[in-house]
C-alpha atoms as a PDB file:
ATOM      1  CA  MET A   1       9.554 -24.837  -1.685  1.00  0.00           C
ATOM      2  CA  LYS A   2       6.198 -26.588  -2.219  1.00  0.00           C
ATOM      3  CA  GLN A   3       4.443 -23.263  -1.797  1.00  0.00           C
ATOM      4  CA  GLU A   4       6.725 -21.612  -4.385  1.00  0.00           C
ATOM      5  CA  GLN A   5       6.201 -24.465  -6.853  1.00  0.00           C
ATOM      6  CA  LYS A   6       2.438 -24.223  -6.483  1.00  0.00           C
ATOM      7  CA  LEU A   7       2.547 -20.494  -7.155  1.00  0.00           C
ATOM      8  CA  LYS A   8       4.695 -20.952 -10.257  1.00  0.00           C
ATOM      9  CA  ILE A   9       2.172 -23.433 -11.678  1.00  0.00           C
ATOM     10  CA  ASP A  10      -0.695 -21.037 -11.078  1.00  0.00           C
ATOM     11  CA  LEU A  11       1.225 -18.190 -12.726  1.00  0.00           C
ATOM     12  CA  ASP A  12       0.278 -19.682 -16.107  1.00  0.00           C
ATOM     13  CA  LYS A  13      -3.194 -18.225 -15.625  1.00  0.00           C
ATOM     14  CA  GLU A  14      -3.921 -15.066 -17.573  1.00  0.00           C
ATOM     15  CA  ASN A  15      -5.647 -13.134 -14.800  1.00  0.00           C
ATOM     16  CA  MET A  16      -2.655 -12.416 -12.579  1.00  0.00           C
ATOM     17  CA  PRO A  17      -3.248  -9.152 -10.658  1.00  0.00           C
ATOM     18  CA  GLN A  18      -1.048  -6.321 -11.861  1.00  0.00           C
ATOM     19  CA  HIS A  19      -1.799  -3.960  -8.973  1.00  0.00           C
ATOM     20  CA  VAL A  20      -2.328  -5.101  -5.379  1.00  0.00           C
ATOM     21  CA  GLY A  21      -3.298  -2.874  -2.464  1.00  0.00           C
ATOM     22  CA  ILE A  22      -2.772  -3.900   1.155  1.00  0.00           C
ATOM     23  CA  ILE A  23      -4.238  -2.393   4.324  1.00  0.00           C
ATOM     24  CA  LEU A  24      -1.547  -3.071   6.918  1.00  0.00           C
ATOM     25  CA  ASP A  25      -3.704  -3.610   9.986  1.00  0.00           C
ATOM     26  CA  GLY A  26      -3.111  -5.241  13.343  1.00  0.00           C
ATOM     27  CA  ASN A  27       0.390  -4.128  14.336  1.00  0.00           C
ATOM     28  CA  ARG A  28      -0.641  -2.997  17.810  1.00  0.00           C
ATOM     29  CA  ARG A  29      -2.736  -6.089  18.489  1.00  0.00           C
ATOM     30  CA  PHE A  30       0.157  -8.317  17.492  1.00  0.00           C
ATOM     31  CA  ALA A  31       2.469  -6.463  19.874  1.00  0.00           C
ATOM     32  CA  LYS A  32      -0.104  -6.854  22.642  1.00  0.00           C
ATOM     33  CA  LYS A  33      -0.195 -10.616  22.082  1.00  0.00           C
ATOM     34  CA  LEU A  34       3.572 -10.659  22.575  1.00  0.00           C
ATOM     35  CA  MET A  35       3.210  -8.424  25.653  1.00  0.00           C
ATOM     36  CA  LEU A  36       5.243  -5.667  23.976  1.00  0.00           C
ATOM     37  CA  GLU A  37       4.605  -1.938  23.894  1.00  0.00           C
ATOM     38  CA  PRO A  38       2.038  -1.150  21.122  1.00  0.00           C
ATOM     39  CA  TRP A  39       4.452   0.815  18.938  1.00  0.00           C
ATOM     40  CA  LYS A  40       6.808  -2.166  18.754  1.00  0.00           C
ATOM     41  CA  GLY A  41       4.247  -3.767  16.468  1.00  0.00           C
ATOM     42  CA  HIS A  42       4.909  -1.024  13.919  1.00  0.00           C
ATOM     43  CA  GLU A  43       8.590  -1.925  13.905  1.00  0.00           C
ATOM     44  CA  LEU A  44       7.710  -5.537  13.151  1.00  0.00           C
ATOM     45  CA  GLY A  45       5.278  -4.335  10.484  1.00  0.00           C
ATOM     46  CA  ALA A  46       8.027  -2.333   8.771  1.00  0.00           C
ATOM     47  CA  ASP A  47      10.180  -5.459   8.635  1.00  0.00           C
ATOM     48  CA  LYS A  48       7.330  -7.315   6.951  1.00  0.00           C
ATOM     49  CA  ILE A  49       7.198  -4.731   4.147  1.00  0.00           C
ATOM     50  CA  LYS A  50      10.786  -5.618   3.229  1.00  0.00           C
ATOM     51  CA  GLN A  51       9.717  -9.239   2.727  1.00  0.00           C
ATOM     52  CA  VAL A  52       6.700  -8.302   0.629  1.00  0.00           C
ATOM     53  CA  PHE A  53       8.966  -6.395  -1.787  1.00  0.00           C
ATOM     54  CA  GLU A  54      10.563  -9.754  -2.604  1.00  0.00           C
ATOM     55  CA  TRP A  55       7.258 -11.591  -2.926  1.00  0.00           C
ATOM     56  CA  VAL A  56       5.874  -8.997  -5.340  1.00  0.00           C
ATOM     57  CA  LYS A  57       8.920  -9.254  -7.570  1.00  0.00           C
ATOM     58  CA  ASP A  58       8.855 -13.065  -7.534  1.00  0.00           C
ATOM     59  CA  ILE A  59       5.398 -13.349  -9.071  1.00  0.00           C
ATOM     60  CA  GLY A  60       5.422 -10.297 -11.319  1.00  0.00           C
ATOM     61  CA  VAL A  61       2.914  -7.964  -9.663  1.00  0.00           C
ATOM     62  CA  LYS A  62       3.854  -4.594 -11.163  1.00  0.00           C
ATOM     63  CA  GLU A  63       2.318  -2.208  -8.643  1.00  0.00           C
ATOM     64  CA  LEU A  64       1.786  -2.338  -4.888  1.00  0.00           C
ATOM     65  CA  THR A  65      -0.067   0.225  -2.765  1.00  0.00           C
ATOM     66  CA  LEU A  66       0.426   0.041   1.005  1.00  0.00           C
ATOM     67  CA  TYR A  67      -1.975   1.817   3.384  1.00  0.00           C
ATOM     68  CA  CYS A  68       0.464   2.731   6.156  1.00  0.00           C
ATOM     69  CA  PHE A  69      -0.952   5.817   7.863  1.00  0.00           C
ATOM     70  CA  SER A  70      -4.439   7.302   7.658  1.00  0.00           C
ATOM     71  CA  LEU A  71      -5.468  10.858   8.466  1.00  0.00           C
ATOM     72  CA  GLU A  72      -7.136   9.502  11.600  1.00  0.00           C
ATOM     73  CA  ASN A  73      -3.798   8.084  12.752  1.00  0.00           C
ATOM     74  CA  PHE A  74      -2.655  11.605  13.645  1.00  0.00           C
ATOM     75  CA  ASP A  75      -4.784  11.144  16.773  1.00  0.00           C
ATOM     76  CA  ARG A  76      -2.711   8.202  18.043  1.00  0.00           C
ATOM     77  CA  PRO A  77      -1.080   8.606  21.495  1.00  0.00           C
ATOM     78  CA  LYS A  78       1.960  10.884  21.259  1.00  0.00           C
ATOM     79  CA  ARG A  79       4.543   8.248  22.101  1.00  0.00           C
ATOM     80  CA  GLU A  80       3.178   5.875  19.482  1.00  0.00           C
ATOM     81  CA  PHE A  81       2.837   8.672  16.919  1.00  0.00           C
ATOM     82  CA  ASP A  82       6.432   9.796  17.493  1.00  0.00           C
ATOM     83  CA  PHE A  83       7.652   6.225  17.094  1.00  0.00           C
ATOM     84  CA  LEU A  84       5.756   5.869  13.812  1.00  0.00           C
ATOM     85  CA  ILE A  85       7.234   9.082  12.425  1.00  0.00           C
ATOM     86  CA  LYS A  86      10.709   8.015  13.498  1.00  0.00           C
ATOM     87  CA  THR A  87      10.184   4.648  11.777  1.00  0.00           C
ATOM     88  CA  PHE A  88       9.010   6.316   8.553  1.00  0.00           C
ATOM     89  CA  LYS A  89      12.072   8.577   8.472  1.00  0.00           C
ATOM     90  CA  LYS A  90      14.403   5.656   9.061  1.00  0.00           C
ATOM     91  CA  GLU A  91      12.782   3.421   6.453  1.00  0.00           C
ATOM     92  CA  PHE A  92      12.524   6.036   3.709  1.00  0.00           C
ATOM     93  CA  LYS A  93      16.158   7.031   4.148  1.00  0.00           C
ATOM     94  CA  ARG A  94      17.024   3.342   3.896  1.00  0.00           C
ATOM     95  CA  LEU A  95      14.904   2.906   0.760  1.00  0.00           C
ATOM     96  CA  LYS A  96      16.715   5.762  -0.956  1.00  0.00           C
ATOM     97  CA  LYS A  97      19.967   3.768  -0.741  1.00  0.00           C
ATOM     98  CA  ASP A  98      18.479   0.257  -0.930  1.00  0.00           C
ATOM     99  CA  SER A  99      20.362  -1.769  -3.545  1.00  0.00           C
ATOM    100  CA  GLN A 100      17.266  -3.877  -4.262  1.00  0.00           C
ATOM    101  CA  VAL A 101      15.248  -0.772  -5.116  1.00  0.00           C
ATOM    102  CA  HIS A 102      17.872   0.429  -7.588  1.00  0.00           C
ATOM    103  CA  GLU A 103      18.771  -2.959  -9.071  1.00  0.00           C
ATOM    104  CA  GLU A 104      15.131  -3.887  -9.623  1.00  0.00           C
ATOM    105  CA  LYS A 105      14.249  -0.323 -10.714  1.00  0.00           C
ATOM    106  CA  ILE A 106      11.389   0.097  -8.260  1.00  0.00           C
ATOM    107  CA  LYS A 107       9.664   3.465  -8.396  1.00  0.00           C
ATOM    108  CA  ILE A 108       8.655   4.683  -4.909  1.00  0.00           C
ATOM    109  CA  LYS A 109       5.713   7.065  -4.714  1.00  0.00           C
ATOM    110  CA  PHE A 110       3.629   8.573  -1.923  1.00  0.00           C
ATOM    111  CA  VAL A 111      -0.081   9.357  -1.933  1.00  0.00           C
ATOM    112  CA  GLY A 112      -1.828  11.478   0.684  1.00  0.00           C
ATOM    113  CA  GLN A 113      -1.525  14.839   2.404  1.00  0.00           C
ATOM    114  CA  ILE A 114       2.226  14.628   2.866  1.00  0.00           C
ATOM    115  CA  GLU A 115       2.378  18.341   3.708  1.00  0.00           C
ATOM    116  CA  LEU A 116       0.888  17.524   7.130  1.00  0.00           C
ATOM    117  CA  PHE A 117       4.131  15.854   8.247  1.00  0.00           C
ATOM    118  CA  ASP A 118       7.153  17.659   9.651  1.00  0.00           C
ATOM    119  CA  GLN A 119       9.771  19.058   7.281  1.00  0.00           C
ATOM    120  CA  GLU A 120      12.322  16.306   7.872  1.00  0.00           C
ATOM    121  CA  LEU A 121       9.873  13.559   6.904  1.00  0.00           C
ATOM    122  CA  GLN A 122       8.676  15.531   3.890  1.00  0.00           C
ATOM    123  CA  GLU A 123      12.273  15.845   2.699  1.00  0.00           C
ATOM    124  CA  SER A 124      12.873  12.104   3.165  1.00  0.00           C
ATOM    125  CA  ILE A 125       9.776  11.412   1.087  1.00  0.00           C
ATOM    126  CA  LYS A 126      10.851  13.785  -1.695  1.00  0.00           C
ATOM    127  CA  ASP A 127      14.387  12.365  -1.685  1.00  0.00           C
ATOM    128  CA  VAL A 128      13.308   8.750  -2.247  1.00  0.00           C
ATOM    129  CA  GLU A 129      10.743   9.806  -4.867  1.00  0.00           C
ATOM    130  CA  ASN A 130      13.367  11.801  -6.779  1.00  0.00           C
ATOM    131  CA  ALA A 131      15.912   8.980  -6.519  1.00  0.00           C
ATOM    132  CA  THR A 132      13.496   6.495  -8.125  1.00  0.00           C
ATOM    133  CA  LYS A 133      11.321   8.680 -10.385  1.00  0.00           C
ATOM    134  CA  ASN A 134      12.804   7.318 -13.618  1.00  0.00           C
ATOM    135  CA  TYR A 135      12.324   3.639 -12.717  1.00  0.00           C
ATOM    136  CA  ASP A 136       9.509   1.696 -14.340  1.00  0.00           C
ATOM    137  CA  ASN A 137       9.905  -2.036 -13.629  1.00  0.00           C
ATOM    138  CA  TYR A 138       7.772  -1.914 -10.480  1.00  0.00           C
ATOM    139  CA  THR A 139       5.929   0.760  -8.510  1.00  0.00           C
ATOM    140  CA  VAL A 140       5.358   0.844  -4.759  1.00  0.00           C
ATOM    141  CA  ASN A 141       2.956   3.489  -3.454  1.00  0.00           C
ATOM    142  CA  PHE A 142       2.938   4.375   0.238  1.00  0.00           C
ATOM    143  CA  ALA A 143      -0.413   5.821   1.342  1.00  0.00           C
ATOM    144  CA  LEU A 144       0.487   8.228   4.166  1.00  0.00           C
ATOM    145  CA  ALA A 145      -1.768  10.863   5.741  1.00  0.00           C
ATOM    146  CA  TYR A 146      -4.253   9.344   3.332  1.00  0.00           C
ATOM    147  CA  GLY A 147      -8.034   9.500   3.296  1.00  0.00           C
ATOM    148  CA  GLY A 148     -10.109   8.402   0.315  1.00  0.00           C
ATOM    149  CA  ARG A 149     -12.936  10.894   0.742  1.00  0.00           C
ATOM    150  CA  GLN A 150     -10.421  13.692   1.190  1.00  0.00           C
ATOM    151  CA  GLU A 151      -8.672  12.563  -2.002  1.00  0.00           C
ATOM    152  CA  ILE A 152     -11.919  12.837  -3.965  1.00  0.00           C
ATOM    153  CA  ILE A 153     -12.715  16.281  -2.508  1.00  0.00           C
ATOM    154  CA  HIS A 154      -9.197  17.435  -3.429  1.00  0.00           C
ATOM    155  CA  ALA A 155      -9.673  16.176  -6.996  1.00  0.00           C
ATOM    156  CA  ILE A 156     -13.093  17.841  -7.316  1.00  0.00           C
ATOM    157  CA  LYS A 157     -11.670  21.182  -6.170  1.00  0.00           C
ATOM    158  CA  GLU A 158      -8.814  20.988  -8.671  1.00  0.00           C
ATOM    159  CA  LEU A 159     -11.157  20.007 -11.482  1.00  0.00           C
ATOM    160  CA  SER A 160     -13.653  22.776 -10.714  1.00  0.00           C
ATOM    161  CA  GLU A 161     -10.866  25.379 -10.707  1.00  0.00           C
ATOM    162  CA  SER A 162      -9.377  24.086 -13.974  1.00  0.00           C
ATOM    163  CA  GLY A 163     -12.358  24.844 -16.176  1.00  0.00           C
ATOM    164  CA  ASP A 164     -12.137  21.363 -17.738  1.00  0.00           C
ATOM    165  CA  ALA A 165     -15.278  19.339 -18.379  1.00  0.00           C
ATOM    166  CA  ILE A 166     -16.526  17.352 -15.385  1.00  0.00           C
ATOM    167  CA  THR A 167     -15.893  13.774 -16.513  1.00  0.00           C
ATOM    168  CA  GLU A 168     -14.647  10.624 -14.839  1.00  0.00           C
ATOM    169  CA  GLU A 169     -11.441  10.796 -16.856  1.00  0.00           C
ATOM    170  CA  ASN A 170     -10.686  14.402 -15.875  1.00  0.00           C
ATOM    171  CA  LEU A 171     -11.440  13.716 -12.225  1.00  0.00           C
ATOM    172  CA  LYS A 172      -9.279  10.602 -12.151  1.00  0.00           C
ATOM    173  CA  LYS A 173      -6.293  12.555 -13.485  1.00  0.00           C
ATOM    174  CA  ARG A 174      -6.416  14.693 -10.340  1.00  0.00           C
ATOM    175  CA  LEU A 175      -6.526  11.861  -7.813  1.00  0.00           C
ATOM    176  CA  TRP A 176      -3.403  11.188  -5.757  1.00  0.00           C
ATOM    177  CA  LEU A 177      -3.396   7.619  -7.108  1.00  0.00           C
ATOM    178  CA  THR A 178      -4.463   7.275 -10.733  1.00  0.00           C
ATOM    179  CA  SER A 179      -4.261   3.467 -11.126  1.00  0.00           C
ATOM    180  CA  ASP A 180      -6.846   0.980  -9.856  1.00  0.00           C
ATOM    181  CA  PRO A 181      -5.910  -2.079  -7.769  1.00  0.00           C
ATOM    182  CA  ASP A 182      -7.075  -5.435  -9.082  1.00  0.00           C
ATOM    183  CA  LEU A 183      -6.864  -6.927  -5.599  1.00  0.00           C
ATOM    184  CA  ILE A 184      -6.949  -5.416  -2.104  1.00  0.00           C
ATOM    185  CA  ILE A 185      -5.917  -7.412   0.963  1.00  0.00           C
ATOM    186  CA  ARG A 186      -6.752  -6.327   4.498  1.00  0.00           C
ATOM    187  CA  THR A 187      -5.057  -8.000   7.439  1.00  0.00           C
ATOM    188  CA  GLY A 188      -6.061  -7.772  11.084  1.00  0.00           C
ATOM    189  CA  GLY A 189      -9.548  -9.281  11.138  1.00  0.00           C
ATOM    190  CA  ASP A 190     -11.731  -6.237  10.386  1.00  0.00           C
ATOM    191  CA  ARG A 191     -14.162  -6.420   7.461  1.00  0.00           C
ATOM    192  CA  ARG A 192     -14.298  -2.811   6.324  1.00  0.00           C
ATOM    193  CA  THR A 193     -12.519  -0.641   3.773  1.00  0.00           C
ATOM    194  CA  SER A 194     -11.598   2.216   6.140  1.00  0.00           C
ATOM    195  CA  ASN A 195     -11.588   5.023   3.579  1.00  0.00           C
ATOM    196  CA  PHE A 196      -8.964   3.289   1.440  1.00  0.00           C
ATOM    197  CA  LEU A 197      -9.148   4.073  -2.291  1.00  0.00           C
ATOM    198  CA  PRO A 198     -12.958   4.433  -2.524  1.00  0.00           C
ATOM    199  CA  TRP A 199     -12.740   5.691  -6.125  1.00  0.00           C
ATOM    200  CA  GLN A 200     -10.073   3.293  -7.345  1.00  0.00           C
ATOM    201  CA  SER A 201     -11.459   0.151  -5.664  1.00  0.00           C
ATOM    202  CA  VAL A 202     -14.969   0.064  -7.149  1.00  0.00           C
ATOM    203  CA  TYR A 203     -14.113  -3.091  -9.132  1.00  0.00           C
ATOM    204  CA  SER A 204     -11.280  -4.398  -6.962  1.00  0.00           C
ATOM    205  CA  GLU A 205     -11.487  -7.881  -5.489  1.00  0.00           C
ATOM    206  CA  TRP A 206     -11.220  -7.808  -1.686  1.00  0.00           C
ATOM    207  CA  ILE A 207      -9.737 -10.383   0.674  1.00  0.00           C
ATOM    208  CA  PHE A 208      -9.992  -9.990   4.457  1.00  0.00           C
ATOM    209  CA  LEU A 209      -7.618 -11.956   6.663  1.00  0.00           C
ATOM    210  CA  ASP A 210      -7.776 -12.572  10.400  1.00  0.00           C
ATOM    211  CA  LYS A 211      -3.987 -12.581  10.688  1.00  0.00           C
ATOM    212  CA  THR A 212      -2.390  -9.315  11.753  1.00  0.00           C
ATOM    213  CA  TRP A 213       0.081  -7.644   9.395  1.00  0.00           C
ATOM    214  CA  PRO A 214       3.266  -8.830  11.167  1.00  0.00           C
ATOM    215  CA  GLU A 215       1.882 -12.407  10.988  1.00  0.00           C
ATOM    216  CA  PHE A 216       1.306 -12.224   7.218  1.00  0.00           C
ATOM    217  CA  GLU A 217       3.544 -14.823   5.565  1.00  0.00           C
ATOM    218  CA  TYR A 218       4.483 -16.004   2.089  1.00  0.00           C
ATOM    219  CA  GLU A 219       1.866 -18.741   2.259  1.00  0.00           C
ATOM    220  CA  ASP A 220      -0.832 -16.121   2.924  1.00  0.00           C
ATOM    221  CA  TRP A 221       0.403 -14.061  -0.019  1.00  0.00           C
ATOM    222  CA  VAL A 222       0.279 -17.129  -2.278  1.00  0.00           C
ATOM    223  CA  ASN A 223      -3.221 -18.018  -1.090  1.00  0.00           C
ATOM    224  CA  CYS A 224      -4.476 -14.477  -1.755  1.00  0.00           C
ATOM    225  CA  ILE A 225      -3.047 -14.436  -5.283  1.00  0.00           C
ATOM    226  CA  ASN A 226      -4.484 -17.882  -6.034  1.00  0.00           C
ATOM    227  CA  ASP A 227      -7.870 -16.877  -4.585  1.00  0.00           C
ATOM    228  CA  PHE A 228      -7.916 -13.818  -6.861  1.00  0.00           C
ATOM    229  CA  MET A 229      -7.041 -15.832  -9.957  1.00  0.00           C
ATOM    230  CA  GLU A 230      -9.875 -18.278  -9.286  1.00  0.00           C
ATOM    231  CA  ARG A 231     -12.485 -15.497  -9.281  1.00  0.00           C
ATOM    232  CA  GLU A 232     -14.492 -14.471 -12.318  1.00  0.00           C
ATOM    233  CA  ARG A 233     -14.349 -10.701 -12.728  1.00  0.00           C
ATOM    234  CA  ARG A 234     -17.379  -9.496 -14.659  1.00  0.00           C
ATOM    235  CA  PHE A 235     -17.169  -5.724 -14.030  1.00  0.00           C
ATOM    236  CA  GLY A 236     -20.957  -5.503 -13.880  1.00  0.00           C
ATOM    237  CA  LYS A 237     -21.454  -7.332 -17.189  1.00  0.00           C
END
């Protein structure tokens, strides 16, 4: 309760982030600490996402982008990869029917090379996108089969074939994600951006946490938001 009260006081500030990105790192390491099979950490990580949906709504962040699966993750051991795909299918089917998603009018979108997944997962992705496409209270983007450099190359190819003028605005329209995060949080202890939103994050504030994703709690979320609001964003000025 004290944590929630503190956050509500700080919400009076004008520089609340509207779009937050999170790199969900450390699932396997957390499982190892608990002496579980590595892929069990992904199951715990999926449960954490459900909690974050509530936290985002509570403070009024309008857009959330979650880096769940990179292009490099296709090289994970087969058993772990299969478990991840199974978890995605289960969770996206659940989201399609989730009462919270529909009551709160949360638009679910996916960014990345979705065509690289099997047909069943692609259909689950399309189903939840179609079921929420008209919602506009909140947006949650899942970055799957995502790579930032690949996104930029894709946009450049589309722009060059269109015949439109080569401008920042025209290139941005062709990115998989067209909005820029104000704040990006990375869990898991690493201090690198890992090919996540290189175009969109040029003026994002970054916070790196040692805690793994399944260990990320409401207090950490509050501290990240408060940290962001205490920073002076000059955008090069």
